[in-house]
Amino acid sequence: MKKPLLLSLFVVCASLSFAGFSMAAEELTPIPKASSEWRFEVTPYLWAPGIKGTLGLDSGLAKSASYSSSDVLNNLKSGGMISAEAHQGQWGVMGDVVSATLQKSGAIPVQGGTAAVGDKVTLQQTILTGAVTYTVANTQDIYVDGLLGARAIYATATLNVAGVGTAAKTTSTVDPVVGVKGRYRITDSTWYVPFYGDIGSGSGGTNLTWQAMLGVGKTFSSLIDASLTYRALYYDMKDGGVLQKTTMQGPQLAVTFKF
């Protein structure tokens, strides 16, 4: 009688263990759940945007700037990039920081194009985005937050021309933005599509600014996500601004820690 009993207990325990494992696997989802408990996310990332536009400088000077994504990595002198979120119920707050110093050397034609003098363009910028969020959709397949906040930018462009001198311009501005962000689950899996978009304009130094992001991600555990996205940020400052019709766009690799 003991052997059948032990065998039955083994089968029951194995079944419970398998059921627990299956439930855990089923519960692993990339879609967060709005609840009364606080939840937090911290996301360090690397964004390597190509930069195209015009840098406005002092004395009415301007210098076209074009950095490819590889240029950004090769000419990056310093920088840091991180975002974070906190949520309770349907309400939340988010923040994003991009800080980078880029420097690129080139040449300016002189004497009818028969000669050239060396020049060096340095772009120092810090971009801060902060917003209050509200969850407008939360199902097993999609999560969407509406957001209302502001983006602040501090940018300094410096042009140093050999034998001529240095021209520089510093601009700082804060502009309101409105947008959406979220993620869509791919076929009941741990893969998902992250998305983000905002747009804004200020009465101060900015005609228009917008930002967009789209890509693919995967949830590896209840604590860690990773994503590869394509991100673009546009700034059109009014006369006197540093970033005049300037677009920054390129790939972004991120790892999200959830707790």
C-alpha atoms as a PDB file:
ATOM      1  CA  MET A   1       0.000   0.000   0.000  1.00  0.00           C
ATOM      2  CA  LYS A   2       2.908   2.345   0.705  1.00  0.00           C
ATOM      3  CA  LYS A   3       4.279   2.262  -2.858  1.00  0.00           C
ATOM      4  CA  PRO A   4       0.987   3.255  -4.538  1.00  0.00           C
ATOM      5  CA  LEU A   5       0.536   5.989  -1.929  1.00  0.00           C
ATOM      6  CA  LEU A   6       4.042   7.348  -2.451  1.00  0.00           C
ATOM      7  CA  LEU A   7       3.591   7.147  -6.197  1.00  0.00           C
ATOM      8  CA  SER A   8       0.297   9.037  -5.950  1.00  0.00           C
ATOM      9  CA  LEU A   9       1.896  11.741  -3.783  1.00  0.00           C
ATOM     10  CA  PHE A  10       4.762  12.055  -6.284  1.00  0.00           C
ATOM     11  CA  VAL A  11       2.327  12.412  -9.173  1.00  0.00           C
ATOM     12  CA  VAL A  12       0.313  15.054  -7.281  1.00  0.00           C
ATOM     13  CA  CYS A  13       3.453  17.055  -6.348  1.00  0.00           C
ATOM     14  CA  ALA A  14       4.789  16.835  -9.877  1.00  0.00           C
ATOM     15  CA  SER A  15       1.449  17.966 -11.263  1.00  0.00           C
ATOM     16  CA  LEU A  16       1.295  20.906  -8.851  1.00  0.00           C
ATOM     17  CA  SER A  17       4.871  21.882  -9.692  1.00  0.00           C
ATOM     18  CA  PHE A  18       4.175  21.696 -13.406  1.00  0.00           C
ATOM     19  CA  ALA A  19       0.972  23.695 -12.952  1.00  0.00           C
ATOM     20  CA  GLY A  20       2.849  26.308 -10.925  1.00  0.00           C
ATOM     21  CA  PHE A  21       5.541  26.495 -13.590  1.00  0.00           C
ATOM     22  CA  SER A  22       2.903  26.828 -16.321  1.00  0.00           C
ATOM     23  CA  MET A  23       1.082  29.568 -14.414  1.00  0.00           C
ATOM     24  CA  ALA A  24       4.365  31.437 -13.879  1.00  0.00           C
ATOM     25  CA  ALA A  25       5.132  31.160 -17.583  1.00  0.00           C
ATOM     26  CA  GLU A  26       1.658  32.368 -18.452  1.00  0.00           C
ATOM     27  CA  GLU A  27       1.965  35.303 -16.061  1.00  0.00           C
ATOM     28  CA  LEU A  28       5.194  36.534 -17.678  1.00  0.00           C
ATOM     29  CA  THR A  29       3.885  39.310 -19.878  1.00  0.00           C
ATOM     30  CA  PRO A  30       5.364  42.522 -21.273  1.00  0.00           C
ATOM     31  CA  ILE A  31       2.147  44.403 -20.466  1.00  0.00           C
ATOM     32  CA  PRO A  32       2.211  46.172 -17.068  1.00  0.00           C
ATOM     33  CA  LYS A  33      -0.873  46.162 -14.864  1.00  0.00           C
ATOM     34  CA  ALA A  34      -2.276  49.329 -13.349  1.00  0.00           C
ATOM     35  CA  SER A  35      -2.836  48.721  -9.638  1.00  0.00           C
ATOM     36  CA  SER A  36      -2.965  50.522  -6.315  1.00  0.00           C
ATOM     37  CA  GLU A  37       0.607  49.416  -5.569  1.00  0.00           C
ATOM     38  CA  TRP A  38       3.555  51.529  -6.664  1.00  0.00           C
ATOM     39  CA  ARG A  39       5.659  50.229  -9.537  1.00  0.00           C
ATOM     40  CA  PHE A  40       8.892  51.692 -10.828  1.00  0.00           C
ATOM     41  CA  GLU A  41      11.057  51.409 -13.951  1.00  0.00           C
ATOM     42  CA  VAL A  42      14.609  52.617 -14.553  1.00  0.00           C
ATOM     43  CA  THR A  43      16.002  52.439 -18.098  1.00  0.00           C
ATOM     44  CA  PRO A  44      19.629  53.220 -18.945  1.00  0.00           C
ATOM     45  CA  TYR A  45      20.121  53.321 -22.702  1.00  0.00           C
ATOM     46  CA  LEU A  46      22.427  54.162 -25.579  1.00  0.00           C
ATOM     47  CA  TRP A  47      21.017  56.358 -28.342  1.00  0.00           C
ATOM     48  CA  ALA A  48      23.248  56.949 -31.369  1.00  0.00           C
ATOM     49  CA  PRO A  49      21.380  59.495 -33.490  1.00  0.00           C
ATOM     50  CA  GLY A  50      22.495  60.989 -36.732  1.00  0.00           C
ATOM     51  CA  ILE A  51      22.213  64.783 -36.517  1.00  0.00           C
ATOM     52  CA  LYS A  52      21.287  67.050 -39.415  1.00  0.00           C
ATOM     53  CA  GLY A  53      20.500  70.726 -39.242  1.00  0.00           C
ATOM     54  CA  THR A  54      21.866  74.206 -38.839  1.00  0.00           C
ATOM     55  CA  LEU A  55      23.632  75.502 -35.760  1.00  0.00           C
ATOM     56  CA  GLY A  56      22.945  79.180 -35.144  1.00  0.00           C
ATOM     57  CA  LEU A  57      25.977  81.072 -33.827  1.00  0.00           C
ATOM     58  CA  ASP A  58      26.798  84.561 -32.603  1.00  0.00           C
ATOM     59  CA  SER A  59      27.173  87.492 -35.008  1.00  0.00           C
ATOM     60  CA  GLY A  60      24.632  85.984 -37.394  1.00  0.00           C
ATOM     61  CA  LEU A  61      26.949  83.109 -38.350  1.00  0.00           C
ATOM     62  CA  ALA A  62      25.519  79.665 -39.001  1.00  0.00           C
ATOM     63  CA  LYS A  63      27.112  76.306 -39.619  1.00  0.00           C
ATOM     64  CA  SER A  64      25.429  73.286 -41.162  1.00  0.00           C
ATOM     65  CA  ALA A  65      26.039  70.213 -39.067  1.00  0.00           C
ATOM     66  CA  SER A  66      25.742  66.629 -40.232  1.00  0.00           C
ATOM     67  CA  TYR A  67      26.716  63.750 -37.960  1.00  0.00           C
ATOM     68  CA  SER A  68      25.966  60.150 -38.937  1.00  0.00           C
ATOM     69  CA  SER A  69      25.251  57.612 -36.184  1.00  0.00           C
ATOM     70  CA  SER A  70      28.819  56.345 -36.473  1.00  0.00           C
ATOM     71  CA  ASP A  71      30.062  59.969 -36.290  1.00  0.00           C
ATOM     72  CA  VAL A  72      28.183  60.404 -33.029  1.00  0.00           C
ATOM     73  CA  LEU A  73      29.834  57.349 -31.512  1.00  0.00           C
ATOM     74  CA  ASN A  74      33.276  58.321 -32.837  1.00  0.00           C
ATOM     75  CA  ASN A  75      32.997  61.984 -31.832  1.00  0.00           C
ATOM     76  CA  LEU A  76      31.190  61.564 -28.521  1.00  0.00           C
ATOM     77  CA  LYS A  77      33.325  63.222 -25.866  1.00  0.00           C
ATOM     78  CA  SER A  78      31.006  62.628 -22.905  1.00  0.00           C
ATOM     79  CA  GLY A  79      27.405  61.799 -22.212  1.00  0.00           C
ATOM     80  CA  GLY A  80      24.753  59.989 -20.235  1.00  0.00           C
ATOM     81  CA  MET A  81      21.244  58.738 -21.056  1.00  0.00           C
ATOM     82  CA  ILE A  82      18.589  57.398 -18.686  1.00  0.00           C
ATOM     83  CA  SER A  83      14.820  57.425 -18.185  1.00  0.00           C
ATOM     84  CA  ALA A  84      12.602  56.490 -15.248  1.00  0.00           C
ATOM     85  CA  GLU A  85       8.927  56.053 -14.432  1.00  0.00           C
ATOM     86  CA  ALA A  86       6.777  55.679 -11.308  1.00  0.00           C
ATOM     87  CA  HIS A  87       3.115  54.617 -11.334  1.00  0.00           C
ATOM     88  CA  GLN A  88       0.312  54.125  -8.841  1.00  0.00           C
ATOM     89  CA  GLY A  89      -3.091  53.237 -10.188  1.00  0.00           C
ATOM     90  CA  GLN A  90      -3.693  54.968 -13.497  1.00  0.00           C
ATOM     91  CA  TRP A  91      -1.503  57.968 -12.630  1.00  0.00           C
ATOM     92  CA  GLY A  92       2.247  58.206 -13.027  1.00  0.00           C
ATOM     93  CA  VAL A  93       5.257  60.403 -13.641  1.00  0.00           C
ATOM     94  CA  MET A  94       8.144  59.963 -16.063  1.00  0.00           C
ATOM     95  CA  GLY A  95      11.463  61.601 -16.768  1.00  0.00           C
ATOM     96  CA  ASP A  96      14.124  61.310 -19.461  1.00  0.00           C
ATOM     97  CA  VAL A  97      17.640  62.774 -19.628  1.00  0.00           C
ATOM     98  CA  VAL A  98      19.967  62.957 -22.643  1.00  0.00           C
ATOM     99  CA  SER A  99      23.294  64.706 -22.139  1.00  0.00           C
ATOM    100  CA  ALA A 100      26.076  64.651 -24.728  1.00  0.00           C
ATOM    101  CA  THR A 101      29.053  66.606 -26.031  1.00  0.00           C
ATOM    102  CA  LEU A 102      29.985  66.062 -29.691  1.00  0.00           C
ATOM    103  CA  GLN A 103      32.961  67.482 -31.547  1.00  0.00           C
ATOM    104  CA  LYS A 104      33.755  67.219 -35.255  1.00  0.00           C
ATOM    105  CA  SER A 105      36.537  68.755 -37.361  1.00  0.00           C
ATOM    106  CA  GLY A 106      36.178  69.894 -40.959  1.00  0.00           C
ATOM    107  CA  ALA A 107      37.270  72.591 -43.396  1.00  0.00           C
ATOM    108  CA  ILE A 108      35.842  75.833 -44.794  1.00  0.00           C
ATOM    109  CA  PRO A 109      36.741  76.796 -48.417  1.00  0.00           C
ATOM    110  CA  VAL A 110      38.443  80.204 -48.867  1.00  0.00           C
ATOM    111  CA  GLN A 111      40.075  82.171 -51.686  1.00  0.00           C
ATOM    112  CA  GLY A 112      37.527  81.130 -54.288  1.00  0.00           C
ATOM    113  CA  GLY A 113      37.695  77.486 -53.244  1.00  0.00           C
ATOM    114  CA  THR A 114      41.424  77.099 -54.004  1.00  0.00           C
ATOM    115  CA  ALA A 115      42.317  76.666 -50.326  1.00  0.00           C
ATOM    116  CA  ALA A 116      40.659  75.787 -47.033  1.00  0.00           C
ATOM    117  CA  VAL A 117      41.089  76.488 -43.347  1.00  0.00           C
ATOM    118  CA  GLY A 118      40.374  74.003 -40.619  1.00  0.00           C
ATOM    119  CA  ASP A 119      37.306  74.332 -38.445  1.00  0.00           C
ATOM    120  CA  LYS A 120      35.961  72.456 -35.453  1.00  0.00           C
ATOM    121  CA  VAL A 121      32.288  72.301 -34.461  1.00  0.00           C
ATOM    122  CA  THR A 122      31.357  71.415 -30.875  1.00  0.00           C
ATOM    123  CA  LEU A 123      27.761  70.765 -29.817  1.00  0.00           C
ATOM    124  CA  GLN A 124      27.024  70.448 -26.112  1.00  0.00           C
ATOM    125  CA  GLN A 125      23.435  69.675 -25.227  1.00  0.00           C
ATOM    126  CA  THR A 126      21.293  68.457 -22.368  1.00  0.00           C
ATOM    127  CA  ILE A 127      17.677  67.501 -23.050  1.00  0.00           C
ATOM    128  CA  LEU A 128      15.256  66.898 -20.173  1.00  0.00           C
ATOM    129  CA  THR A 129      11.716  65.584 -20.690  1.00  0.00           C
ATOM    130  CA  GLY A 130       9.280  65.244 -17.801  1.00  0.00           C
ATOM    131  CA  ALA A 131       5.567  64.476 -17.756  1.00  0.00           C
ATOM    132  CA  VAL A 132       2.580  63.371 -15.764  1.00  0.00           C
ATOM    133  CA  THR A 133       0.959  60.253 -17.264  1.00  0.00           C
ATOM    134  CA  TYR A 134      -2.502  58.700 -17.145  1.00  0.00           C
ATOM    135  CA  THR A 135      -3.314  55.159 -18.285  1.00  0.00           C
ATOM    136  CA  VAL A 136      -6.034  55.238 -20.961  1.00  0.00           C
ATOM    137  CA  ALA A 137      -5.820  51.572 -22.083  1.00  0.00           C
ATOM    138  CA  ASN A 138      -4.688  48.484 -20.170  1.00  0.00           C
ATOM    139  CA  THR A 139      -5.592  45.049 -21.556  1.00  0.00           C
ATOM    140  CA  GLN A 140      -3.616  41.821 -21.877  1.00  0.00           C
ATOM    141  CA  ASP A 141      -2.325  42.971 -25.289  1.00  0.00           C
ATOM    142  CA  ILE A 142      -1.870  46.732 -25.094  1.00  0.00           C
ATOM    143  CA  TYR A 143      -0.879  49.395 -22.613  1.00  0.00           C
ATOM    144  CA  VAL A 144      -1.238  53.118 -23.415  1.00  0.00           C
ATOM    145  CA  ASP A 145      -0.476  56.203 -21.323  1.00  0.00           C
ATOM    146  CA  GLY A 146      -1.410  59.731 -22.285  1.00  0.00           C
ATOM    147  CA  LEU A 147       1.149  62.293 -21.136  1.00  0.00           C
ATOM    148  CA  LEU A 148       1.321  66.012 -20.470  1.00  0.00           C
ATOM    149  CA  GLY A 149       4.603  67.640 -19.573  1.00  0.00           C
ATOM    150  CA  ALA A 150       7.514  69.728 -20.784  1.00  0.00           C
ATOM    151  CA  ARG A 151      10.868  69.387 -22.525  1.00  0.00           C
ATOM    152  CA  ALA A 152      13.808  71.559 -21.589  1.00  0.00           C
ATOM    153  CA  ILE A 153      16.935  71.875 -23.691  1.00  0.00           C
ATOM    154  CA  TYR A 154      20.238  73.552 -22.994  1.00  0.00           C
ATOM    155  CA  ALA A 155      22.475  73.696 -26.077  1.00  0.00           C
ATOM    156  CA  THR A 156      25.777  75.356 -26.874  1.00  0.00           C
ATOM    157  CA  ALA A 157      27.225  75.373 -30.407  1.00  0.00           C
ATOM    158  CA  THR A 158      30.830  76.464 -30.900  1.00  0.00           C
ATOM    159  CA  LEU A 159      32.650  76.976 -34.207  1.00  0.00           C
ATOM    160  CA  ASN A 160      36.409  77.385 -34.042  1.00  0.00           C
ATOM    161  CA  VAL A 161      38.072  78.434 -37.323  1.00  0.00           C
ATOM    162  CA  ALA A 162      41.864  78.222 -37.501  1.00  0.00           C
ATOM    163  CA  GLY A 163      43.449  81.647 -37.769  1.00  0.00           C
ATOM    164  CA  VAL A 164      40.080  83.404 -37.594  1.00  0.00           C
ATOM    165  CA  GLY A 165      38.638  82.844 -34.147  1.00  0.00           C
ATOM    166  CA  THR A 166      35.680  81.317 -32.347  1.00  0.00           C
ATOM    167  CA  ALA A 167      31.945  81.897 -32.641  1.00  0.00           C
ATOM    168  CA  ALA A 168      29.533  80.433 -30.108  1.00  0.00           C
ATOM    169  CA  LYS A 169      25.896  80.540 -29.104  1.00  0.00           C
ATOM    170  CA  THR A 170      24.063  79.180 -26.063  1.00  0.00           C
ATOM    171  CA  THR A 171      20.313  78.666 -25.891  1.00  0.00           C
ATOM    172  CA  SER A 172      18.026  77.264 -23.212  1.00  0.00           C
ATOM    173  CA  THR A 173      14.282  76.811 -23.551  1.00  0.00           C
ATOM    174  CA  VAL A 174      11.403  74.964 -21.880  1.00  0.00           C
ATOM    175  CA  ASP A 175       8.414  73.932 -23.993  1.00  0.00           C
ATOM    176  CA  PRO A 176       5.144  72.136 -23.114  1.00  0.00           C
ATOM    177  CA  VAL A 177       4.553  68.781 -24.818  1.00  0.00           C
ATOM    178  CA  VAL A 178       1.608  66.411 -25.098  1.00  0.00           C
ATOM    179  CA  GLY A 179       1.759  62.818 -26.292  1.00  0.00           C
ATOM    180  CA  VAL A 180       1.249  59.079 -25.812  1.00  0.00           C
ATOM    181  CA  LYS A 181       3.459  56.127 -24.970  1.00  0.00           C
ATOM    182  CA  GLY A 182       2.986  52.429 -24.430  1.00  0.00           C
ATOM    183  CA  ARG A 183       3.564  48.946 -25.756  1.00  0.00           C
ATOM    184  CA  TYR A 184       1.716  46.307 -27.793  1.00  0.00           C
ATOM    185  CA  ARG A 185       2.136  42.605 -27.060  1.00  0.00           C
ATOM    186  CA  ILE A 186       3.030  40.388 -30.028  1.00  0.00           C
ATOM    187  CA  THR A 187       0.803  37.279 -30.320  1.00  0.00           C
ATOM    188  CA  ASP A 188       0.483  36.482 -26.590  1.00  0.00           C
ATOM    189  CA  SER A 189       4.271  36.246 -26.249  1.00  0.00           C
ATOM    190  CA  THR A 190       6.938  37.995 -24.199  1.00  0.00           C
ATOM    191  CA  TRP A 191       7.820  40.101 -27.261  1.00  0.00           C
ATOM    192  CA  TYR A 192       6.307  43.557 -27.632  1.00  0.00           C
ATOM    193  CA  VAL A 193       6.322  46.748 -29.699  1.00  0.00           C
ATOM    194  CA  PRO A 194       7.230  49.850 -27.637  1.00  0.00           C
ATOM    195  CA  PHE A 195       6.048  53.214 -28.951  1.00  0.00           C
ATOM    196  CA  TYR A 196       6.275  56.869 -27.955  1.00  0.00           C
ATOM    197  CA  GLY A 197       5.258  60.180 -29.510  1.00  0.00           C
ATOM    198  CA  ASP A 198       4.977  63.797 -28.370  1.00  0.00           C
ATOM    199  CA  ILE A 199       4.692  67.259 -29.883  1.00  0.00           C
ATOM    200  CA  GLY A 200       4.970  70.765 -28.493  1.00  0.00           C
ATOM    201  CA  SER A 201       5.742  74.399 -29.062  1.00  0.00           C
ATOM    202  CA  GLY A 202       6.705  77.276 -26.829  1.00  0.00           C
ATOM    203  CA  SER A 203       5.949  80.972 -26.763  1.00  0.00           C
ATOM    204  CA  GLY A 204       9.635  81.525 -26.024  1.00  0.00           C
ATOM    205  CA  GLY A 205      12.396  80.231 -28.278  1.00  0.00           C
ATOM    206  CA  THR A 206      10.801  77.240 -30.025  1.00  0.00           C
ATOM    207  CA  ASN A 207       8.586  77.140 -33.105  1.00  0.00           C
ATOM    208  CA  LEU A 208       8.082  73.370 -32.948  1.00  0.00           C
ATOM    209  CA  THR A 209       9.497  70.281 -31.296  1.00  0.00           C
ATOM    210  CA  TRP A 210       8.439  66.661 -31.596  1.00  0.00           C
ATOM    211  CA  GLN A 211       9.759  63.257 -30.636  1.00  0.00           C
ATOM    212  CA  ALA A 212       8.868  59.719 -31.814  1.00  0.00           C
ATOM    213  CA  MET A 213      10.073  56.204 -31.059  1.00  0.00           C
ATOM    214  CA  LEU A 214       9.136  52.714 -32.335  1.00  0.00           C
ATOM    215  CA  GLY A 215      10.812  49.317 -32.151  1.00  0.00           C
ATOM    216  CA  VAL A 216      10.744  45.829 -30.686  1.00  0.00           C
ATOM    217  CA  GLY A 217      11.380  44.549 -27.155  1.00  0.00           C
ATOM    218  CA  LYS A 218      11.363  41.398 -25.054  1.00  0.00           C
ATOM    219  CA  THR A 219      10.505  40.694 -21.434  1.00  0.00           C
ATOM    220  CA  PHE A 220      13.083  38.301 -19.968  1.00  0.00           C
ATOM    221  CA  SER A 221      11.666  38.200 -16.436  1.00  0.00           C
ATOM    222  CA  SER A 222       9.382  40.141 -14.136  1.00  0.00           C
ATOM    223  CA  LEU A 223      12.372  42.392 -13.426  1.00  0.00           C
ATOM    224  CA  ILE A 224      14.079  42.950 -16.799  1.00  0.00           C
ATOM    225  CA  ASP A 225      13.079  44.076 -20.298  1.00  0.00           C
ATOM    226  CA  ALA A 226      15.296  44.954 -23.258  1.00  0.00           C
ATOM    227  CA  SER A 227      14.411  46.814 -26.435  1.00  0.00           C
ATOM    228  CA  LEU A 228      15.873  47.984 -29.734  1.00  0.00           C
ATOM    229  CA  THR A 229      14.098  51.006 -31.178  1.00  0.00           C
ATOM    230  CA  TYR A 230      14.452  53.828 -33.667  1.00  0.00           C
ATOM    231  CA  ARG A 231      14.106  57.268 -32.090  1.00  0.00           C
ATOM    232  CA  ALA A 232      13.807  60.732 -33.618  1.00  0.00           C
ATOM    233  CA  LEU A 233      13.804  64.192 -32.032  1.00  0.00           C
ATOM    234  CA  TYR A 234      13.164  67.426 -33.953  1.00  0.00           C
ATOM    235  CA  TYR A 235      13.779  71.030 -32.896  1.00  0.00           C
ATOM    236  CA  ASP A 236      12.992  74.216 -34.806  1.00  0.00           C
ATOM    237  CA  MET A 237      14.031  77.222 -32.745  1.00  0.00           C
ATOM    238  CA  LYS A 238      13.116  80.793 -33.543  1.00  0.00           C
ATOM    239  CA  ASP A 239      15.688  83.309 -34.768  1.00  0.00           C
ATOM    240  CA  GLY A 240      18.600  83.353 -32.376  1.00  0.00           C
ATOM    241  CA  GLY A 241      18.224  79.724 -31.315  1.00  0.00           C
ATOM    242  CA  VAL A 242      21.027  77.182 -31.615  1.00  0.00           C
ATOM    243  CA  LEU A 243      19.061  74.271 -33.142  1.00  0.00           C
ATOM    244  CA  GLN A 244      17.396  75.610 -36.274  1.00  0.00           C
ATOM    245  CA  LYS A 245      15.406  72.868 -38.039  1.00  0.00           C
ATOM    246  CA  THR A 246      17.601  70.163 -36.537  1.00  0.00           C
ATOM    247  CA  THR A 247      16.696  66.458 -36.537  1.00  0.00           C
ATOM    248  CA  MET A 248      18.345  63.824 -34.365  1.00  0.00           C
ATOM    249  CA  GLN A 249      17.418  60.268 -35.328  1.00  0.00           C
ATOM    250  CA  GLY A 250      18.928  56.821 -34.975  1.00  0.00           C
ATOM    251  CA  PRO A 251      18.902  53.446 -33.178  1.00  0.00           C
ATOM    252  CA  GLN A 252      18.496  53.112 -29.430  1.00  0.00           C
ATOM    253  CA  LEU A 253      19.365  50.093 -27.268  1.00  0.00           C
ATOM    254  CA  ALA A 254      17.789  50.031 -23.795  1.00  0.00           C
ATOM    255  CA  VAL A 255      17.523  47.766 -20.764  1.00  0.00           C
ATOM    256  CA  THR A 256      14.652  48.321 -18.318  1.00  0.00           C
ATOM    257  CA  PHE A 257      14.822  47.322 -14.659  1.00  0.00           C
ATOM    258  CA  LYS A 258      11.418  46.960 -12.965  1.00  0.00           C
ATOM    259  CA  PHE A 259      10.701  46.879  -9.254  1.00  0.00           C
END
